[in-house]
C-alpha cells in the first residue's frame, strides 16, 4: 500500500489527525509558557526555568511507567488519558496566567502534570502504529507520520508566535488545552478498532519493566544505536542550543543568520521524508547510521573552520534530511522486530536513553566555550558526532540487521499461526 492509499484508510487517517493536533499543541505550549511567565508579575528567567524543569523532569522520570501502562491497556485509551492530562494542566496554567494570580507552586504542579501526560502518551503513540498498519505498509506509514510531525512542529511554532503576540501566553495556553482535547477525539473513536497491545498477565510493575528491559537489551542493534543517540544528542544540543548561537552572535551577525541556519534543518526534514518515500534499503539500521555520519557532523565542522554561511545552510539541509530518513528507518525496524506486547516499553527505554545525556550537553557547552573558544567547541561537537557514529558501526548487528519487503510483525505471525491452527482443527 502506497502513501496515497494509506490516506484512504480511515483509522490511519484518524491517527494522523490526532497526532497533528497533539504535536502542534505540545510545540506551541512551551513557547506560551515561556512568554506568559516572563510577562507576568514577578516572572523572571529563574522562575521560568523552575516551571520548565517541573515539566521536563517528570516527563523523563515517568517515561518507563508510560511504556508499562501502554503495553498493559488499549493504547488509544492511554493516549486519550495522556492528552486529557496535558489539556487540563496547560489550561490551568493559562487560567493562572490570565487571572494574574501566580502561585509558583501551583504552576509547577500543573507543569509536572503536563509532563506526566506527555510521558504517558508518547510510548503509546509509538506502539499503536503497527496495530493499525500491516508490516509491509509500515515504511509508508512512518513517512506520512514524519511529514505530519514536521509540518505540525513548524506550524506550532508559527501559531504560538502569532497567538502569544495577539492575546498573550495565558490565553494561548488555554487554546493549546482545547487543541489537546480535540486531538483526543480521533483516538477515542479508535477504541473498537485497536486491539490490546498484548497478553495482559498479572505481572507486577517491576516485572513488566524488567521484561521490557530484556526485550530492549537482547537486540544489540537496538541498544547500540540508542547509546549512540544519547551521546549524539549531548553533542547536538550543545552545538544547537548554546555554542551555535554564541558563535553566530560573536562572528556571524547575530540571531538572523542563525535562524536561517536552523530553518534550513527544518526544510531538510521535509526533503528527507520525500527521499525516504522512495529509498527503502533492506539494511535499515546500517543505512540510517551511515546517513547520520555523512550529514549530522558536517554543518558544525563547517562552522568551526569558518566556512561561508551559505555552505553551512546547505549542510544543515542535508542534516535535516538525514534526521528524517533515520527516523523513518528506525521506527519501521523497531515496529517490525519488537513484539507488539513489549513495543511501548521498548520505545520508552529508547526515548529515555536517547534523551538522557541531552541536559549534560547544555550544561557542558558553556565550560567548553570557556576552554576551547566558540570555534573549538563547535568543532569538538562535530567531531564527537562523527566519532560516536563510526563507533556504532563496530557492532555487527548494526551492520547486518535487515527488514525484508514482505517481513511480518510478531503480531501478524501470531495471527497467521492462529488461523492455521483453526483450519487444522
Protein backbone atom coordinates (compact mmCIF):
# COMPACT_ATOMS: atom_id res chain seq x y z
CA UNK A 1 0.00 0.00 0.00
CA UNK A 2 1.46 3.37 -1.05
CA UNK A 3 1.24 6.59 0.94
CA UNK A 4 -1.77 7.81 -1.07
CA UNK A 5 -3.63 4.54 -0.35
CA UNK A 6 -2.95 4.85 3.37
CA UNK A 7 -4.60 8.25 3.31
CA UNK A 8 -7.83 6.50 2.32
CA UNK A 9 -7.64 4.24 5.37
CA UNK A 10 -9.96 5.82 7.95
CA UNK A 11 -8.29 4.54 11.16
CA UNK A 12 -4.84 5.62 9.97
CA UNK A 13 -6.21 8.99 8.86
CA UNK A 14 -7.68 9.47 12.33
CA UNK A 15 -4.27 8.63 13.81
CA UNK A 16 -2.61 11.28 11.63
CA UNK A 17 -5.21 13.90 12.57
CA UNK A 18 -4.84 13.22 16.29
CA UNK A 19 -1.04 13.29 16.10
CA UNK A 20 -1.05 16.51 14.07
CA UNK A 21 -3.16 18.39 16.62
CA UNK A 22 -1.30 16.90 19.62
CA UNK A 23 2.13 17.81 18.22
CA UNK A 24 1.04 21.34 17.31
CA UNK A 25 -0.24 21.88 20.83
CA UNK A 26 2.80 20.31 22.51
CA UNK A 27 5.15 22.51 20.44
CA UNK A 28 3.16 25.72 20.97
CA UNK A 29 2.63 25.25 24.72
CA UNK A 30 6.27 25.68 25.90
CA UNK A 31 6.59 28.98 23.99
CA UNK A 32 3.34 30.19 25.53
CA UNK A 33 4.53 29.16 29.00
CA UNK A 34 7.86 30.94 28.49
CA UNK A 35 6.45 34.27 27.33
CA UNK A 36 3.48 34.06 29.67
CA UNK A 37 5.62 33.54 32.75
CA UNK A 38 8.14 36.22 31.78
CA UNK A 39 5.34 38.73 31.16
CA UNK A 40 3.64 38.03 34.49
CA UNK A 41 4.31 40.00 37.73
CA UNK A 42 7.46 38.64 39.31
CA UNK A 43 8.22 36.49 36.30
CA UNK A 44 11.98 36.02 35.99
CA UNK A 45 14.18 33.66 33.94
CA UNK A 46 14.93 31.76 37.13
CA UNK A 47 11.26 31.15 37.86
CA UNK A 48 10.70 30.22 34.23
CA UNK A 49 13.48 27.65 34.40
CA UNK A 50 11.87 26.14 37.51
CA UNK A 51 8.48 25.83 35.78
CA UNK A 52 10.05 24.30 32.66
CA UNK A 53 12.07 21.87 34.76
CA UNK A 54 8.87 20.86 36.57
CA UNK A 55 7.57 19.67 33.19
CA UNK A 56 10.70 18.07 31.71
CA UNK A 57 11.91 16.15 34.77
CA UNK A 58 8.63 14.23 35.38
CA UNK A 59 8.32 13.64 31.63
CA UNK A 60 11.61 11.72 31.67
CA UNK A 61 11.02 10.16 35.09
CA UNK A 62 7.62 8.72 34.16
CA UNK A 63 8.57 7.63 30.62
CA UNK A 64 9.16 4.00 31.61
CA UNK A 65 5.91 3.92 33.57
CA UNK A 66 4.15 5.18 30.45
CA UNK A 67 5.64 2.28 28.49
CA UNK A 68 4.33 -0.27 31.00
CA UNK A 69 0.85 1.28 31.01
CA UNK A 70 0.71 1.39 27.19
CA UNK A 71 1.66 -2.30 26.95
CA UNK A 72 -0.98 -3.30 29.54
CA UNK A 73 -4.01 -1.42 28.24
CA UNK A 74 -5.57 -0.32 24.99
CA UNK A 75 -3.09 2.14 23.59
CA UNK A 76 -5.64 4.53 22.13
CA UNK A 77 -7.25 4.89 25.58
CA UNK A 78 -3.83 5.51 27.16
CA UNK A 79 -3.24 8.26 24.59
CA UNK A 80 -6.62 9.82 25.44
CA UNK A 81 -5.71 9.85 29.15
CA UNK A 82 -2.35 11.48 28.39
CA UNK A 83 -3.96 14.11 26.18
CA UNK A 84 -6.63 14.84 28.79
CA UNK A 85 -3.98 15.30 31.49
CA UNK A 86 -1.96 17.61 29.24
CA UNK A 87 -5.08 19.57 28.29
CA UNK A 88 -6.18 20.15 31.87
CA UNK A 89 -2.65 21.03 33.03
CA UNK A 90 -1.85 23.60 30.34
CA UNK A 91 -5.35 25.07 30.62
CA UNK A 92 -4.85 25.54 34.36
CA UNK A 93 -1.50 27.28 33.80
CA UNK A 94 -3.22 29.51 31.23
CA UNK A 95 -6.02 30.40 33.66
CA UNK A 96 -3.46 31.19 36.37
CA UNK A 97 -1.56 33.50 34.00
CA UNK A 98 -4.71 35.24 32.74
CA UNK A 99 -6.00 35.79 36.26
CA UNK A 100 -2.77 37.44 37.35
CA UNK A 101 -2.69 35.22 40.44
CA UNK A 102 0.57 33.36 40.04
CA UNK A 103 1.45 30.98 42.88
CA UNK A 104 4.63 29.38 41.58
CA UNK A 105 3.98 26.13 43.41
CA UNK A 106 0.65 25.76 41.55
CA UNK A 107 2.29 26.47 38.18
CA UNK A 108 4.98 23.91 38.96
CA UNK A 109 2.43 21.25 39.88
CA UNK A 110 0.45 21.88 36.68
CA UNK A 111 3.64 21.76 34.61
CA UNK A 112 4.61 18.47 36.26
CA UNK A 113 1.18 17.02 35.47
CA UNK A 114 1.59 18.10 31.84
CA UNK A 115 4.96 16.36 31.70
CA UNK A 116 3.43 13.17 33.11
CA UNK A 117 0.67 13.38 30.48
CA UNK A 118 3.25 13.55 27.69
CA UNK A 119 5.24 10.66 29.22
CA UNK A 120 2.10 8.51 29.24
CA UNK A 121 1.14 9.44 25.70
CA UNK A 122 4.40 9.08 23.78
CA UNK A 123 5.12 5.34 24.33
CA UNK A 124 1.53 4.53 23.38
CA UNK A 125 1.87 6.57 20.18
CA UNK A 126 4.98 4.59 19.29
CA UNK A 127 3.24 1.26 19.84
CA UNK A 128 -0.10 1.91 18.17
CA UNK A 129 1.11 2.23 14.57
CA UNK A 130 1.70 -1.49 13.82
CA UNK A 131 -1.72 -2.24 15.30
CA UNK A 132 -3.30 -0.15 12.56
CA UNK A 133 -0.95 -0.82 9.65
CA UNK A 134 0.37 -4.08 8.14
CA UNK A 135 4.13 -4.64 8.28
CA UNK A 136 4.51 -4.17 4.53
CA UNK A 137 3.00 -0.70 4.85
CA UNK A 138 4.93 0.49 7.91
CA UNK A 139 7.60 2.30 5.87
CA UNK A 140 4.95 4.30 4.02
CA UNK A 141 3.05 4.94 7.25
CA UNK A 142 6.14 6.25 9.03
CA UNK A 143 6.87 8.53 6.06
CA UNK A 144 3.43 10.10 6.41
CA UNK A 145 3.79 10.35 10.19
CA UNK A 146 7.15 12.11 9.68
CA UNK A 147 5.60 14.54 7.21
CA UNK A 148 2.74 15.31 9.60
CA UNK A 149 5.15 15.64 12.55
CA UNK A 150 7.44 18.10 10.74
CA UNK A 151 4.50 20.16 9.46
CA UNK A 152 2.89 20.29 12.90
CA UNK A 153 6.14 21.38 14.55
CA UNK A 154 6.66 24.28 12.18
CA UNK A 155 3.02 25.37 12.34
CA UNK A 156 3.06 25.01 16.13
CA UNK A 157 5.95 27.47 16.43
CA UNK A 158 4.33 29.90 14.00
CA UNK A 159 0.88 29.74 15.60
CA UNK A 160 2.37 30.14 19.07
CA UNK A 161 4.23 33.27 17.97
CA UNK A 162 1.10 34.83 16.45
CA UNK A 163 -1.20 33.95 19.35
CA UNK A 164 1.23 35.00 22.09
CA UNK A 165 1.74 38.36 20.38
CA UNK A 166 -2.01 38.82 19.87
CA UNK A 167 -3.61 37.54 23.07
CA UNK A 168 -0.75 36.68 25.46
CA UNK A 169 0.75 33.48 26.79
CA UNK A 170 -2.10 32.60 29.16
CA UNK A 171 -4.86 32.63 26.53
CA UNK A 172 -2.57 30.80 24.11
CA UNK A 173 -2.17 28.04 26.71
CA UNK A 174 -5.95 27.80 27.06
CA UNK A 175 -6.14 27.38 23.27
CA UNK A 176 -3.46 24.66 23.49
CA UNK A 177 -5.58 22.90 26.09
CA UNK A 178 -8.55 22.97 23.72
CA UNK A 179 -6.35 21.57 20.93
CA UNK A 180 -5.30 18.66 23.16
CA UNK A 181 -8.99 17.90 23.83
CA UNK A 182 -9.82 17.96 20.11
CA UNK A 183 -6.78 15.74 19.41
CA UNK A 184 -8.16 13.14 21.82
CA UNK A 185 -11.37 12.68 19.82
CA UNK A 186 -9.88 10.69 16.88
CA UNK A 187 -8.04 8.40 19.32
CA UNK A 188 -11.20 7.86 21.36
CA UNK A 189 -13.02 6.80 18.20
CA UNK A 190 -10.34 4.16 17.53
CA UNK A 191 -11.36 2.18 20.61
CA UNK A 192 -13.25 -0.51 18.67
CA UNK A 193 -10.54 -0.77 16.03
CA UNK A 194 -7.34 -1.08 18.00
CA UNK A 195 -6.65 -4.45 19.69
CA UNK A 196 -4.88 -4.69 23.01
CA UNK A 197 -1.13 -4.39 22.95
CA UNK A 198 -0.57 -7.97 24.10
CA UNK A 199 -1.47 -10.61 26.64
CA UNK A 200 -2.38 -8.98 29.97
CA UNK A 201 -0.86 -11.19 32.61
CA UNK A 202 -1.00 -10.33 36.30
CA UNK A 203 2.62 -9.18 36.39
CA UNK A 204 3.98 -6.65 38.83
CA UNK A 205 5.05 -3.25 37.58
CA UNK A 206 8.70 -4.06 38.29
CA UNK A 207 8.48 -7.34 36.40
CA UNK A 208 6.95 -5.59 33.41
CA UNK A 209 9.83 -3.10 33.46
CA UNK A 210 12.34 -5.95 33.72
CA UNK A 211 10.73 -7.86 30.85
CA UNK A 212 10.78 -4.70 28.73
CA UNK A 213 14.47 -4.23 29.56
CA UNK A 214 15.17 -7.79 28.42
CA UNK A 215 13.44 -7.13 25.10
CA UNK A 216 15.48 -3.94 24.77
CA UNK A 217 18.90 -5.36 25.63
CA UNK A 218 18.71 -8.66 23.75
CA UNK A 219 18.79 -6.80 20.42
CA UNK A 220 22.31 -5.45 20.09
CA UNK A 221 21.47 -3.10 17.22
CA UNK A 222 18.78 -1.52 19.37
CA UNK A 223 20.79 -0.63 22.46
CA UNK A 224 23.91 0.28 20.48
CA UNK A 225 22.04 2.87 18.40
CA UNK A 226 20.23 4.21 21.48
CA UNK A 227 23.62 4.64 23.19
CA UNK A 228 24.87 6.38 20.05
CA UNK A 229 21.80 8.63 20.06
CA UNK A 230 22.32 9.56 23.71
CA UNK A 231 25.84 10.80 23.01
CA UNK A 232 24.66 12.33 19.74
CA UNK A 233 22.02 14.42 21.44
CA UNK A 234 24.53 15.54 24.05
CA UNK A 235 26.80 16.96 21.34
CA UNK A 236 23.90 18.18 19.19
CA UNK A 237 22.10 20.04 22.00
CA UNK A 238 25.37 21.69 23.00
CA UNK A 239 26.01 22.81 19.42
CA UNK A 240 22.48 23.98 18.55
CA UNK A 241 21.33 25.17 21.94
CA UNK A 242 24.38 27.10 23.19
CA UNK A 243 27.57 27.02 21.10
CA UNK A 244 25.97 27.78 17.72
CA UNK A 245 24.03 30.83 18.94
CA UNK A 246 27.15 32.08 20.77
CA UNK A 247 29.22 31.72 17.59
CA UNK A 248 26.53 33.41 15.50
CA UNK A 249 26.32 36.29 17.95
CA UNK A 250 30.08 36.77 18.03
CA UNK A 251 31.03 36.22 14.39
CA UNK A 252 28.07 35.76 12.03
CA UNK A 253 25.99 38.83 12.75
CA UNK A 254 23.60 37.68 15.44
CA UNK A 255 20.30 35.84 15.57
CA UNK A 256 19.20 36.40 11.97
CA UNK A 257 21.81 34.22 10.20
CA UNK A 258 21.48 31.60 12.92
CA UNK A 259 17.71 31.46 12.40
CA UNK A 260 18.34 30.88 8.69
CA UNK A 261 20.69 28.02 9.51
CA UNK A 262 18.17 26.38 11.86
CA UNK A 263 15.34 26.91 9.35
CA UNK A 264 17.37 25.04 6.74
CA UNK A 265 17.33 21.99 9.01
CA UNK A 266 13.52 22.08 9.05
CA UNK A 267 13.46 22.34 5.25
CA UNK A 268 15.80 19.36 5.07
CA UNK A 269 13.46 17.33 7.26
CA UNK A 270 10.68 17.76 4.70
CA UNK A 271 13.02 16.78 1.88
CA UNK A 272 14.22 13.77 3.87
CA UNK A 273 10.69 12.41 4.19
CA UNK A 274 10.24 12.70 0.41
CA UNK A 275 13.52 10.85 -0.18
CA UNK A 276 12.53 8.14 2.32
CA UNK A 277 9.34 7.51 0.36
CA UNK A 278 11.47 6.16 -2.48
CA UNK A 279 14.54 4.88 -0.59
CA UNK A 280 13.80 1.57 1.11
CA UNK A 281 17.11 -0.14 1.99
CA UNK A 282 16.92 -3.62 3.47
CA UNK A 283 19.79 -3.00 5.90
CA UNK A 284 17.82 -0.25 7.54
CA UNK A 285 19.98 0.44 10.58
CA UNK A 286 23.24 0.48 8.61
CA UNK A 287 21.70 2.87 6.08
CA UNK A 288 20.42 5.16 8.81
CA UNK A 289 23.71 5.23 10.71
CA UNK A 290 25.67 6.00 7.53
CA UNK A 291 23.21 8.77 6.63
CA UNK A 292 23.75 10.24 10.09
CA UNK A 293 27.54 10.00 9.82
CA UNK A 294 27.56 11.77 6.46
CA UNK A 295 25.16 14.58 7.32
CA UNK A 296 24.93 15.44 11.04
CA UNK A 297 28.54 16.44 11.87
CA UNK A 298 29.10 18.45 8.68
CA UNK A 299 27.41 21.80 9.46
CA UNK A 300 29.14 22.07 12.83
CA UNK A 301 32.54 21.23 11.37
CA UNK A 302 31.97 23.86 8.66
CA UNK A 303 31.08 26.44 11.32
CA UNK A 304 34.23 25.53 13.21
CA UNK A 305 36.52 26.07 10.22
CA UNK A 306 34.87 29.38 9.28
CA UNK A 307 33.07 28.27 6.12
CA UNK A 308 30.60 30.72 4.49
CA UNK A 309 27.12 30.78 5.96
CA UNK A 310 25.61 29.59 2.67
CA UNK A 311 27.70 26.39 2.87
CA UNK A 312 26.59 25.83 6.45
CA UNK A 313 22.97 26.32 5.39
CA UNK A 314 23.35 23.70 2.65
CA UNK A 315 24.92 21.28 5.10
CA UNK A 316 22.07 21.92 7.54
CA UNK A 317 19.56 20.96 4.84
CA UNK A 318 21.41 17.66 4.43
CA UNK A 319 21.46 17.26 8.20
CA UNK A 320 17.69 17.62 8.34
CA UNK A 321 17.33 15.10 5.52
CA UNK A 322 19.47 12.60 7.38
CA UNK A 323 17.49 13.06 10.58
CA UNK A 324 14.20 12.40 8.78
CA UNK A 325 15.49 9.34 6.98
CA UNK A 326 16.92 7.70 10.11
CA UNK A 327 13.65 8.44 11.94
CA UNK A 328 11.61 6.56 9.31
CA UNK A 329 14.04 3.64 9.03
CA UNK A 330 14.39 3.36 12.81
CA UNK A 331 10.66 3.43 13.53
CA UNK A 332 9.95 0.82 10.84
CA UNK A 333 12.68 -1.53 12.08
CA UNK A 334 11.63 -1.31 15.72
CA UNK A 335 7.97 -1.86 14.84
CA UNK A 336 8.77 -4.95 12.77
CA UNK A 337 11.40 -6.52 15.03
CA UNK A 338 9.99 -5.88 18.52
CA UNK A 339 6.94 -7.90 19.70
CA UNK A 340 3.78 -5.82 19.87
CA UNK A 341 3.13 -6.62 23.54
CA UNK A 342 6.50 -5.06 24.52
CA UNK A 343 6.73 -2.30 21.91
CA UNK A 344 5.71 0.61 24.13
CA UNK A 345 8.13 -0.40 26.90
CA UNK A 346 10.98 -0.78 24.41
CA UNK A 347 10.05 2.59 22.88
CA UNK A 348 10.11 4.12 26.36
CA UNK A 349 13.62 2.77 27.02
CA UNK A 350 14.59 4.09 23.58
CA UNK A 351 13.24 7.59 24.25
CA UNK A 352 14.67 7.76 27.77
CA UNK A 353 18.09 6.52 26.70
CA UNK A 354 18.27 8.75 23.65
CA UNK A 355 17.47 11.93 25.61
CA UNK A 356 19.29 11.10 28.82
CA UNK A 357 22.52 12.96 28.05
CA UNK A 358 21.00 15.99 26.30
CA UNK A 359 20.88 18.11 29.51
CA UNK A 360 24.55 17.31 30.10
CA UNK A 361 25.36 18.73 26.67
CA UNK A 362 23.67 22.01 27.56
CA UNK A 363 25.49 22.17 30.90
CA UNK A 364 28.90 21.40 29.39
CA UNK A 365 28.57 23.77 26.42
CA UNK A 366 29.42 26.90 28.44
CA UNK A 367 32.59 25.47 30.02
CA UNK A 368 33.59 24.10 26.60
CA UNK A 369 33.39 27.60 25.11
CA UNK A 370 35.44 28.98 28.01
CA UNK A 371 38.20 26.40 27.43
CA UNK A 372 38.15 25.94 23.63
CA UNK A 373 36.50 29.10 22.33
CA UNK A 374 33.33 29.03 20.22
CA UNK A 375 35.01 27.62 17.10
CA UNK A 376 36.92 24.99 19.03
CA UNK A 377 33.82 23.98 20.97
CA UNK A 378 31.64 23.58 17.91
CA UNK A 379 34.41 21.64 16.14
CA UNK A 380 34.56 19.35 19.16
CA UNK A 381 30.78 18.82 18.92
CA UNK A 382 31.01 17.95 15.23
CA UNK A 383 33.95 15.63 15.84
CA UNK A 384 32.11 13.87 18.64
CA UNK A 385 29.07 13.34 16.39
CA UNK A 386 31.28 11.72 13.75
CA UNK A 387 33.30 9.52 16.11
CA UNK A 388 30.27 8.25 18.01
CA UNK A 389 28.50 7.31 14.78
CA UNK A 390 31.50 5.46 13.37
CA UNK A 391 31.97 3.68 16.69
CA UNK A 392 28.45 2.21 16.45
CA UNK A 393 29.42 0.57 13.15
CA UNK A 394 31.75 -1.73 15.10
CA UNK A 395 28.61 -3.67 16.05
CA UNK A 396 27.99 -6.46 13.56
CA UNK A 397 24.31 -6.39 14.44
CA UNK A 398 24.08 -2.74 13.36
CA UNK A 399 25.67 -3.63 10.03
CA UNK A 400 23.60 -6.71 9.17
CA UNK A 401 20.07 -6.33 10.62
CA UNK A 402 17.56 -6.37 7.76
CA UNK A 403 13.90 -5.64 7.15
CA UNK A 404 12.64 -7.68 4.22
CA UNK A 405 9.88 -6.28 1.97
CA UNK A 406 7.38 -8.98 2.97
CA UNK A 407 8.52 -9.44 6.56
CA UNK A 408 5.67 -9.69 9.05
CA UNK A 409 5.40 -8.27 12.54
CA UNK A 410 5.22 -10.62 15.50
CA UNK A 411 1.51 -9.81 15.83
CA UNK A 412 0.86 -10.80 12.20
CA UNK A 413 2.83 -14.03 12.58
CA UNK A 414 0.81 -14.93 15.68
CA UNK A 415 -2.44 -14.19 13.85
CA UNK A 416 -1.38 -16.39 10.90
CA UNK A 417 -0.45 -19.26 13.19
CA UNK A 418 -3.81 -18.95 14.96
CA UNK A 419 -5.73 -19.10 11.66
CA UNK A 420 -3.70 -22.12 10.50
CA UNK A 421 -4.39 -23.90 13.79
CA UNK A 422 -8.14 -23.28 13.43
CA UNK A 423 -8.04 -24.70 9.92
CA UNK A 424 -6.23 -27.82 11.16
CA UNK A 425 -8.91 -28.31 13.81
